[in-house]
N, C-alpha and C. Protein backbone atom coordinates (compact mmCIF):
# COMPACT_ATOMS: atom_id res chain seq x y z
N MET A 1 -8.42 32.84 21.42
CA MET A 1 -8.84 33.99 20.37
C MET A 1 -9.55 33.22 18.95
N PRO A 2 -10.67 33.88 18.55
CA PRO A 2 -11.15 33.21 17.31
C PRO A 2 -10.48 33.52 16.22
N THR A 3 -10.37 32.50 15.23
CA THR A 3 -9.73 32.67 14.03
C THR A 3 -10.60 32.70 12.99
N ASP A 4 -10.62 33.58 11.88
CA ASP A 4 -11.25 33.68 10.75
C ASP A 4 -10.95 32.49 9.95
N ALA A 5 -12.02 31.77 9.40
CA ALA A 5 -11.61 30.45 8.56
C ALA A 5 -10.97 30.82 7.17
N ALA A 6 -11.15 32.12 6.73
CA ALA A 6 -10.37 32.62 5.67
C ALA A 6 -8.90 32.69 5.95
N GLN A 7 -8.56 32.87 6.93
CA GLN A 7 -7.16 33.04 7.41
C GLN A 7 -6.42 31.74 7.54
N LEU A 8 -7.09 30.66 7.67
CA LEU A 8 -6.52 29.27 7.77
C LEU A 8 -5.89 28.92 6.58
N THR A 9 -4.67 28.47 6.50
CA THR A 9 -3.86 27.83 5.42
C THR A 9 -4.20 26.44 5.42
N PRO A 10 -4.61 25.93 4.28
CA PRO A 10 -4.86 24.51 4.23
C PRO A 10 -3.62 23.68 4.36
N ILE A 11 -3.50 22.75 4.98
CA ILE A 11 -2.25 21.76 5.16
C ILE A 11 -2.30 20.90 3.82
N ARG A 12 -1.15 20.96 3.18
CA ARG A 12 -1.10 20.14 1.91
C ARG A 12 -0.21 19.08 2.12
N SER A 13 -0.53 17.90 1.75
CA SER A 13 0.32 16.66 1.92
C SER A 13 1.15 16.54 0.73
N VAL A 14 2.48 16.14 1.05
CA VAL A 14 3.43 15.81 0.01
C VAL A 14 3.33 14.39 -0.43
N ARG A 15 2.48 13.76 0.17
CA ARG A 15 2.50 12.40 -0.04
C ARG A 15 2.03 11.97 -1.69
N PRO A 16 1.06 12.76 -2.25
CA PRO A 16 0.72 12.52 -3.66
C PRO A 16 1.83 12.83 -4.54
N ALA A 17 2.63 13.83 -4.26
CA ALA A 17 3.74 14.23 -5.06
C ALA A 17 4.78 13.08 -5.11
N MET A 18 5.06 12.72 -3.93
CA MET A 18 6.08 11.64 -3.58
C MET A 18 5.71 10.25 -4.44
N THR A 19 4.38 10.05 -4.17
CA THR A 19 3.93 8.78 -5.01
C THR A 19 4.05 9.03 -6.62
N ALA A 20 3.75 10.17 -6.92
CA ALA A 20 3.88 10.39 -8.43
C ALA A 20 5.26 10.29 -8.83
N GLU A 21 6.14 10.72 -8.15
CA GLU A 21 7.63 10.65 -8.42
C GLU A 21 8.08 9.36 -8.34
N LEU A 22 7.62 8.43 -7.37
CA LEU A 22 8.12 7.10 -7.41
C LEU A 22 7.42 6.42 -8.48
N MET A 23 6.33 6.54 -8.90
CA MET A 23 5.75 6.01 -10.14
C MET A 23 6.46 6.22 -11.25
N ALA A 24 7.01 7.35 -11.46
CA ALA A 24 7.61 7.83 -12.75
C ALA A 24 9.09 7.35 -12.69
N GLU A 25 9.55 7.23 -11.56
CA GLU A 25 10.98 6.61 -11.43
C GLU A 25 11.11 5.08 -11.61
N THR A 26 10.02 4.34 -11.08
CA THR A 26 10.00 2.99 -10.95
C THR A 26 9.28 2.42 -12.16
N GLY A 27 8.24 2.91 -12.58
CA GLY A 27 7.35 2.18 -13.61
C GLY A 27 6.30 1.51 -12.80
N LEU A 28 6.38 1.60 -11.48
CA LEU A 28 5.19 0.93 -10.59
C LEU A 28 3.85 1.89 -10.63
N ASP A 29 2.89 1.04 -10.70
CA ASP A 29 1.51 1.80 -10.47
C ASP A 29 0.75 0.75 -9.69
N GLU A 30 -0.60 1.25 -9.28
CA GLU A 30 -1.48 0.24 -8.56
C GLU A 30 -1.79 -0.98 -9.41
N ALA A 31 -1.99 -1.05 -10.65
CA ALA A 31 -2.39 -2.10 -11.55
C ALA A 31 -1.05 -3.01 -11.51
N ARG A 32 0.11 -2.65 -11.56
CA ARG A 32 1.31 -3.43 -11.62
C ARG A 32 1.39 -4.08 -10.32
N LEU A 33 1.40 -3.26 -9.14
CA LEU A 33 1.47 -3.86 -7.84
C LEU A 33 0.44 -4.92 -7.49
N THR A 34 -0.90 -4.75 -7.92
CA THR A 34 -1.86 -5.66 -7.93
C THR A 34 -1.54 -7.03 -8.57
N ALA A 35 -1.02 -6.81 -9.80
CA ALA A 35 -0.60 -8.04 -10.58
C ALA A 35 0.59 -8.80 -9.85
N LEU A 36 1.49 -7.96 -9.25
CA LEU A 36 2.78 -8.75 -8.45
C LEU A 36 2.12 -9.34 -7.25
N VAL A 37 1.29 -8.74 -6.52
CA VAL A 37 0.57 -9.42 -5.36
C VAL A 37 0.02 -10.63 -5.66
N HIS A 38 -1.00 -10.58 -6.73
CA HIS A 38 -1.72 -11.82 -7.07
C HIS A 38 -1.02 -12.92 -7.63
N ARG A 39 -0.08 -12.53 -8.37
CA ARG A 39 0.69 -13.67 -9.22
C ARG A 39 1.69 -14.27 -8.03
N PHE A 40 2.18 -13.44 -7.11
CA PHE A 40 3.13 -13.90 -6.29
C PHE A 40 2.40 -15.04 -5.08
N TYR A 41 1.19 -14.52 -4.76
CA TYR A 41 0.50 -15.45 -3.74
C TYR A 41 -0.05 -16.54 -4.52
N ASP A 42 -0.34 -16.46 -5.73
CA ASP A 42 -0.71 -17.70 -6.48
C ASP A 42 0.33 -18.72 -6.42
N LYS A 43 1.63 -18.28 -6.66
CA LYS A 43 2.73 -19.03 -6.28
C LYS A 43 2.85 -19.65 -4.90
N VAL A 44 2.76 -18.66 -4.06
CA VAL A 44 3.04 -19.09 -2.57
C VAL A 44 2.03 -20.26 -2.26
N ARG A 45 0.77 -20.04 -2.61
CA ARG A 45 -0.32 -20.96 -2.46
C ARG A 45 -0.17 -22.37 -2.74
N THR A 46 0.71 -22.47 -4.09
CA THR A 46 0.82 -23.92 -4.56
C THR A 46 2.25 -24.53 -4.27
N ASP A 47 3.07 -23.59 -3.56
CA ASP A 47 4.39 -23.96 -3.23
C ASP A 47 4.38 -25.02 -2.10
N ASP A 48 5.37 -26.00 -2.34
CA ASP A 48 5.30 -27.17 -1.30
C ASP A 48 5.78 -26.83 0.02
N VAL A 49 6.56 -25.82 0.10
CA VAL A 49 7.03 -25.16 1.51
C VAL A 49 6.08 -24.37 2.00
N LEU A 50 5.82 -23.37 1.35
CA LEU A 50 4.96 -22.12 1.88
C LEU A 50 3.39 -22.31 2.11
N GLY A 51 2.98 -23.25 0.83
CA GLY A 51 1.66 -23.26 0.68
C GLY A 51 0.82 -23.72 1.81
N PRO A 52 1.30 -24.99 2.57
CA PRO A 52 0.56 -25.41 3.86
C PRO A 52 0.61 -24.40 4.93
N ILE A 53 1.56 -23.38 5.19
CA ILE A 53 1.49 -22.60 6.13
C ILE A 53 0.65 -21.55 5.91
N PHE A 54 0.60 -20.98 4.74
CA PHE A 54 -0.53 -19.93 4.36
C PHE A 54 -1.85 -20.60 4.33
N VAL A 55 -2.05 -21.72 3.87
CA VAL A 55 -3.41 -22.20 3.84
C VAL A 55 -3.85 -22.45 5.35
N GLU A 56 -3.02 -22.71 6.12
CA GLU A 56 -3.49 -23.02 7.65
C GLU A 56 -3.89 -21.71 8.22
N HIS A 57 -3.22 -20.68 7.66
CA HIS A 57 -3.34 -19.32 8.57
C HIS A 57 -4.31 -18.38 7.95
N ILE A 58 -4.72 -18.64 6.61
CA ILE A 58 -5.59 -17.71 5.94
C ILE A 58 -6.89 -18.35 5.32
N ALA A 59 -7.81 -18.00 5.88
CA ALA A 59 -9.16 -18.67 5.52
C ALA A 59 -9.73 -18.03 4.27
N ASP A 60 -9.76 -16.67 4.23
CA ASP A 60 -10.33 -16.00 3.11
C ASP A 60 -9.21 -15.11 2.39
N TRP A 61 -8.94 -15.59 1.14
CA TRP A 61 -7.82 -14.92 0.38
C TRP A 61 -8.16 -13.55 -0.21
N GLY A 62 -9.47 -13.28 -0.38
CA GLY A 62 -9.80 -12.10 -1.02
C GLY A 62 -9.36 -10.85 -0.14
N PRO A 63 -9.71 -10.83 1.13
CA PRO A 63 -9.43 -9.75 1.92
C PRO A 63 -7.99 -9.77 2.14
N HIS A 64 -7.33 -10.88 2.36
CA HIS A 64 -5.84 -10.84 2.49
C HIS A 64 -5.13 -10.22 1.26
N LEU A 65 -5.56 -10.66 0.07
CA LEU A 65 -4.91 -9.97 -1.06
C LEU A 65 -5.19 -8.53 -1.15
N ALA A 66 -6.28 -8.10 -0.94
CA ALA A 66 -6.74 -6.67 -0.78
C ALA A 66 -5.63 -6.00 0.21
N LYS A 67 -5.49 -6.58 1.25
CA LYS A 67 -4.66 -5.95 2.24
C LYS A 67 -3.26 -5.87 2.02
N MET A 68 -2.77 -7.09 1.17
CA MET A 68 -1.26 -7.04 0.65
C MET A 68 -1.17 -6.08 -0.52
N VAL A 69 -2.16 -5.90 -1.26
CA VAL A 69 -2.00 -4.79 -2.26
C VAL A 69 -1.75 -3.47 -1.54
N ASP A 70 -2.55 -3.17 -0.64
CA ASP A 70 -2.57 -1.94 0.16
C ASP A 70 -1.14 -1.71 0.86
N PHE A 71 -0.75 -2.95 1.40
CA PHE A 71 0.68 -2.95 2.00
C PHE A 71 1.87 -2.56 0.86
N TRP A 72 1.72 -3.23 -0.23
CA TRP A 72 2.82 -2.93 -1.30
C TRP A 72 2.78 -1.68 -1.75
N SER A 73 1.47 -1.03 -1.82
CA SER A 73 1.19 0.42 -2.41
C SER A 73 1.85 1.14 -1.32
N SER A 74 1.72 1.08 -0.08
CA SER A 74 2.38 1.94 0.94
C SER A 74 3.78 1.73 0.99
N VAL A 75 4.41 0.43 0.89
CA VAL A 75 5.82 0.13 0.86
C VAL A 75 6.60 0.74 -0.35
N ALA A 76 5.86 0.61 -1.51
CA ALA A 76 6.65 0.82 -2.76
C ALA A 76 6.34 2.43 -3.39
N LEU A 77 5.04 2.74 -3.03
CA LEU A 77 4.64 4.11 -3.65
C LEU A 77 4.37 5.14 -2.54
N MET A 78 4.55 4.80 -1.30
CA MET A 78 4.42 5.79 -0.22
C MET A 78 2.80 6.28 0.00
N THR A 79 2.01 5.44 -0.54
CA THR A 79 0.55 6.05 -0.56
C THR A 79 -0.07 6.00 0.75
N GLY A 80 0.48 5.24 1.81
CA GLY A 80 -0.25 5.41 3.22
C GLY A 80 -1.42 4.69 3.36
N ARG A 81 -1.77 3.76 2.17
CA ARG A 81 -2.99 3.01 2.19
C ARG A 81 -3.10 1.92 3.19
N TYR A 82 -1.79 1.40 3.71
CA TYR A 82 -1.98 0.19 4.68
C TYR A 82 -1.82 0.67 6.09
N HIS A 83 -2.70 0.19 6.90
CA HIS A 83 -2.75 0.46 8.34
C HIS A 83 -2.88 -0.91 9.02
N GLY A 84 -1.67 -1.23 9.51
CA GLY A 84 -1.61 -2.48 10.39
C GLY A 84 -0.50 -2.79 10.93
N ALA A 85 -0.16 -3.81 11.53
CA ALA A 85 1.10 -4.14 12.35
C ALA A 85 1.53 -5.58 11.84
N PRO A 86 2.38 -5.60 10.79
CA PRO A 86 2.70 -6.89 10.10
C PRO A 86 3.61 -7.60 11.03
N VAL A 87 4.45 -7.11 11.79
CA VAL A 87 5.31 -7.85 12.85
C VAL A 87 4.43 -8.53 13.88
N VAL A 88 3.57 -7.88 14.41
CA VAL A 88 2.62 -8.37 15.29
C VAL A 88 1.78 -9.56 14.64
N ARG A 89 1.30 -9.45 13.56
CA ARG A 89 0.47 -10.30 12.93
C ARG A 89 1.15 -11.61 12.45
N HIS A 90 2.45 -11.46 12.42
CA HIS A 90 3.28 -12.74 11.85
C HIS A 90 4.02 -13.34 13.06
N ALA A 91 4.20 -12.58 14.11
CA ALA A 91 4.91 -13.31 15.32
C ALA A 91 4.21 -14.59 15.67
N GLY A 92 5.03 -15.57 15.91
CA GLY A 92 4.75 -16.79 16.39
C GLY A 92 4.27 -17.72 15.31
N LEU A 93 4.70 -17.37 13.88
CA LEU A 93 4.28 -18.33 12.97
C LEU A 93 5.27 -19.36 12.98
N PRO A 94 5.14 -20.64 12.50
CA PRO A 94 6.04 -21.72 12.57
C PRO A 94 6.90 -21.78 11.36
N VAL A 95 7.67 -20.70 11.41
CA VAL A 95 8.81 -20.59 10.29
C VAL A 95 10.09 -20.26 10.64
N ASP A 96 11.07 -20.27 9.86
CA ASP A 96 12.38 -19.93 10.23
C ASP A 96 12.93 -19.34 8.87
N TRP A 97 14.30 -18.95 9.02
CA TRP A 97 14.94 -18.21 7.85
C TRP A 97 14.74 -19.05 6.51
N ALA A 98 14.83 -20.41 6.49
CA ALA A 98 14.68 -21.18 5.22
C ALA A 98 13.27 -20.83 4.61
N HIS A 99 12.20 -20.55 5.34
CA HIS A 99 10.93 -20.07 4.72
C HIS A 99 10.94 -18.89 4.09
N PHE A 100 11.65 -17.78 4.86
CA PHE A 100 11.75 -16.53 4.13
C PHE A 100 12.75 -16.60 3.06
N GLU A 101 13.60 -17.44 2.92
CA GLU A 101 14.48 -17.60 1.57
C GLU A 101 13.61 -18.07 0.61
N ARG A 102 12.75 -19.16 0.93
CA ARG A 102 11.87 -19.47 -0.17
C ARG A 102 10.94 -18.37 -0.41
N TRP A 103 10.19 -17.55 0.35
CA TRP A 103 9.42 -16.59 0.21
C TRP A 103 10.17 -15.58 -0.81
N LEU A 104 11.33 -15.18 -0.39
CA LEU A 104 12.09 -14.29 -1.26
C LEU A 104 12.44 -14.77 -2.60
N THR A 105 12.80 -15.85 -2.86
CA THR A 105 12.98 -16.53 -4.14
C THR A 105 11.70 -16.33 -4.86
N LEU A 106 10.37 -16.66 -4.51
CA LEU A 106 9.24 -16.56 -5.22
C LEU A 106 8.97 -15.16 -5.54
N PHE A 107 9.26 -14.23 -4.58
CA PHE A 107 8.97 -12.82 -4.63
C PHE A 107 9.90 -12.14 -5.73
N ARG A 108 11.13 -12.52 -5.57
CA ARG A 108 12.11 -11.90 -6.68
C ARG A 108 11.66 -12.43 -8.05
N GLU A 109 11.46 -13.67 -8.21
CA GLU A 109 11.03 -14.05 -9.60
C GLU A 109 9.77 -13.42 -10.03
N THR A 110 8.75 -13.26 -9.28
CA THR A 110 7.58 -12.62 -9.50
C THR A 110 7.64 -11.09 -9.81
N ALA A 111 8.60 -10.54 -9.03
CA ALA A 111 8.89 -8.93 -9.22
C ALA A 111 9.51 -8.81 -10.71
N HIS A 112 10.53 -9.70 -10.99
CA HIS A 112 11.20 -9.49 -12.43
C HIS A 112 10.10 -9.83 -13.51
N GLN A 113 9.07 -10.70 -13.25
CA GLN A 113 8.08 -11.03 -14.30
C GLN A 113 7.02 -9.94 -14.34
N THR A 114 6.91 -9.14 -13.32
CA THR A 114 5.81 -8.27 -13.53
C THR A 114 6.06 -6.71 -13.48
N CYS A 115 7.12 -6.52 -12.92
CA CYS A 115 7.76 -4.97 -12.77
C CYS A 115 8.84 -4.73 -13.77
N PRO A 116 8.91 -3.39 -14.14
CA PRO A 116 10.10 -2.89 -14.86
C PRO A 116 11.28 -3.20 -13.98
N THR A 117 12.47 -3.14 -14.58
CA THR A 117 13.88 -3.43 -13.77
C THR A 117 13.89 -2.50 -12.50
N VAL A 118 13.63 -1.15 -12.72
CA VAL A 118 13.87 -0.32 -11.47
C VAL A 118 12.75 -0.68 -10.39
N GLY A 119 11.54 -0.71 -10.85
CA GLY A 119 10.44 -1.16 -10.01
C GLY A 119 10.68 -2.55 -9.40
N ALA A 120 11.22 -3.48 -10.03
CA ALA A 120 11.52 -4.64 -9.46
C ALA A 120 12.68 -4.67 -8.37
N ALA A 121 13.70 -3.81 -8.64
CA ALA A 121 14.82 -3.54 -7.48
C ALA A 121 14.18 -3.02 -6.40
N LEU A 122 13.44 -2.05 -6.71
CA LEU A 122 12.70 -1.39 -5.28
C LEU A 122 11.90 -2.39 -4.53
N VAL A 123 10.99 -2.98 -5.12
CA VAL A 123 10.27 -3.83 -4.25
C VAL A 123 11.04 -5.02 -3.66
N ILE A 124 12.07 -5.62 -4.39
CA ILE A 124 12.86 -6.61 -4.03
C ILE A 124 13.67 -6.12 -2.73
N ASP A 125 14.23 -4.96 -2.90
CA ASP A 125 14.96 -4.41 -1.72
C ASP A 125 14.02 -4.38 -0.43
N ARG A 126 12.90 -3.75 -0.73
CA ARG A 126 11.94 -3.55 0.32
C ARG A 126 11.61 -5.06 0.91
N ALA A 127 11.32 -5.88 0.02
CA ALA A 127 11.00 -7.28 0.46
C ALA A 127 12.17 -8.09 1.41
N GLU A 128 13.24 -7.78 0.96
CA GLU A 128 14.34 -8.37 1.72
C GLU A 128 14.59 -7.75 3.02
N ARG A 129 14.34 -6.38 3.23
CA ARG A 129 14.46 -5.71 4.42
C ARG A 129 13.28 -6.20 5.31
N ILE A 130 12.13 -6.51 4.75
CA ILE A 130 10.97 -6.97 5.62
C ILE A 130 11.02 -8.29 5.98
N ALA A 131 11.62 -9.13 5.08
CA ALA A 131 11.98 -10.43 5.49
C ALA A 131 12.79 -10.53 6.76
N ARG A 132 13.87 -9.90 6.61
CA ARG A 132 14.74 -9.80 7.81
C ARG A 132 14.03 -9.22 9.06
N SER A 133 13.22 -8.39 8.98
CA SER A 133 12.66 -7.71 10.27
C SER A 133 11.71 -8.78 10.80
N LEU A 134 10.98 -9.39 9.90
CA LEU A 134 9.76 -10.44 10.30
C LEU A 134 10.59 -11.64 10.99
N SER A 135 11.63 -11.95 10.19
CA SER A 135 12.40 -13.10 10.83
C SER A 135 13.00 -12.92 12.13
N PHE A 136 13.51 -11.71 12.54
CA PHE A 136 13.92 -11.23 13.83
C PHE A 136 12.72 -11.31 14.79
N ALA A 137 11.47 -10.79 14.36
CA ALA A 137 10.50 -10.83 15.19
C ALA A 137 9.90 -12.01 15.44
N ILE A 138 9.84 -12.92 14.63
CA ILE A 138 9.50 -14.41 14.77
C ILE A 138 10.38 -15.07 15.73
N GLU A 139 11.50 -14.97 15.63
CA GLU A 139 12.60 -15.56 16.57
C GLU A 139 12.34 -15.13 18.04
N ASP A 140 11.93 -13.91 18.12
CA ASP A 140 11.75 -13.16 19.45
C ASP A 140 10.52 -13.76 19.89
N ALA A 141 9.52 -13.72 19.13
CA ALA A 141 8.10 -14.42 19.59
C ALA A 141 8.27 -15.71 19.87
N ALA A 142 9.04 -16.40 19.27
CA ALA A 142 9.19 -17.95 19.67
C ALA A 142 9.81 -18.07 20.93
N ARG A 143 10.71 -17.25 21.31
CA ARG A 143 11.24 -17.37 22.51
C ARG A 143 10.34 -16.84 23.75
N ASP A 144 9.27 -16.01 23.22
CA ASP A 144 8.24 -15.51 24.28
C ASP A 144 7.02 -16.12 24.15
N GLY A 145 6.82 -17.21 23.22
CA GLY A 145 5.66 -18.04 23.33
C GLY A 145 4.35 -17.41 22.48
N ALA A 146 4.59 -16.53 21.49
CA ALA A 146 3.58 -15.82 20.98
C ALA A 146 2.69 -16.65 20.11
N VAL A 147 1.49 -16.32 19.72
CA VAL A 147 0.47 -17.10 18.98
C VAL A 147 0.32 -16.23 17.72
N PRO A 148 0.32 -16.80 16.47
CA PRO A 148 0.25 -16.05 15.48
C PRO A 148 -1.25 -15.63 15.12
N ARG A 149 -1.53 -14.42 14.78
CA ARG A 149 -2.86 -13.82 14.38
C ARG A 149 -2.91 -13.29 12.95
N LEU A 150 -3.12 -14.01 11.96
CA LEU A 150 -3.15 -13.52 10.69
C LEU A 150 -4.59 -13.14 10.34
């Protein structure tokens, strides 16, 4: 049965309202998340423990940083900008929980330096959950012999 275009109700996304609410509650925005990501990965790249692993697996930092900004925008502000599979991308990396602890130490430090208190708490909570999830996935991949694809 044909439908008159005037009768169709447009579908409205709740995502922009959710993002605006999160921004108001946390003090986070795209500029702050960009600063967080760039400052954090500057530390990672020069870190004695993490630097060599990242340098070995990331050839072009520009696209990686842009992807990480999209990732954190999606994670912290629910923007939906990131489309990827982080668990699959990190499976098989030569890391253990000690590496994640170092990653979290640098991330927490950077979040406190670049974000308001509420925003820092949000991204730190999400980072801790992500670290646990990736750690479990990497342990599983190690048992299965997976190869990293960053």
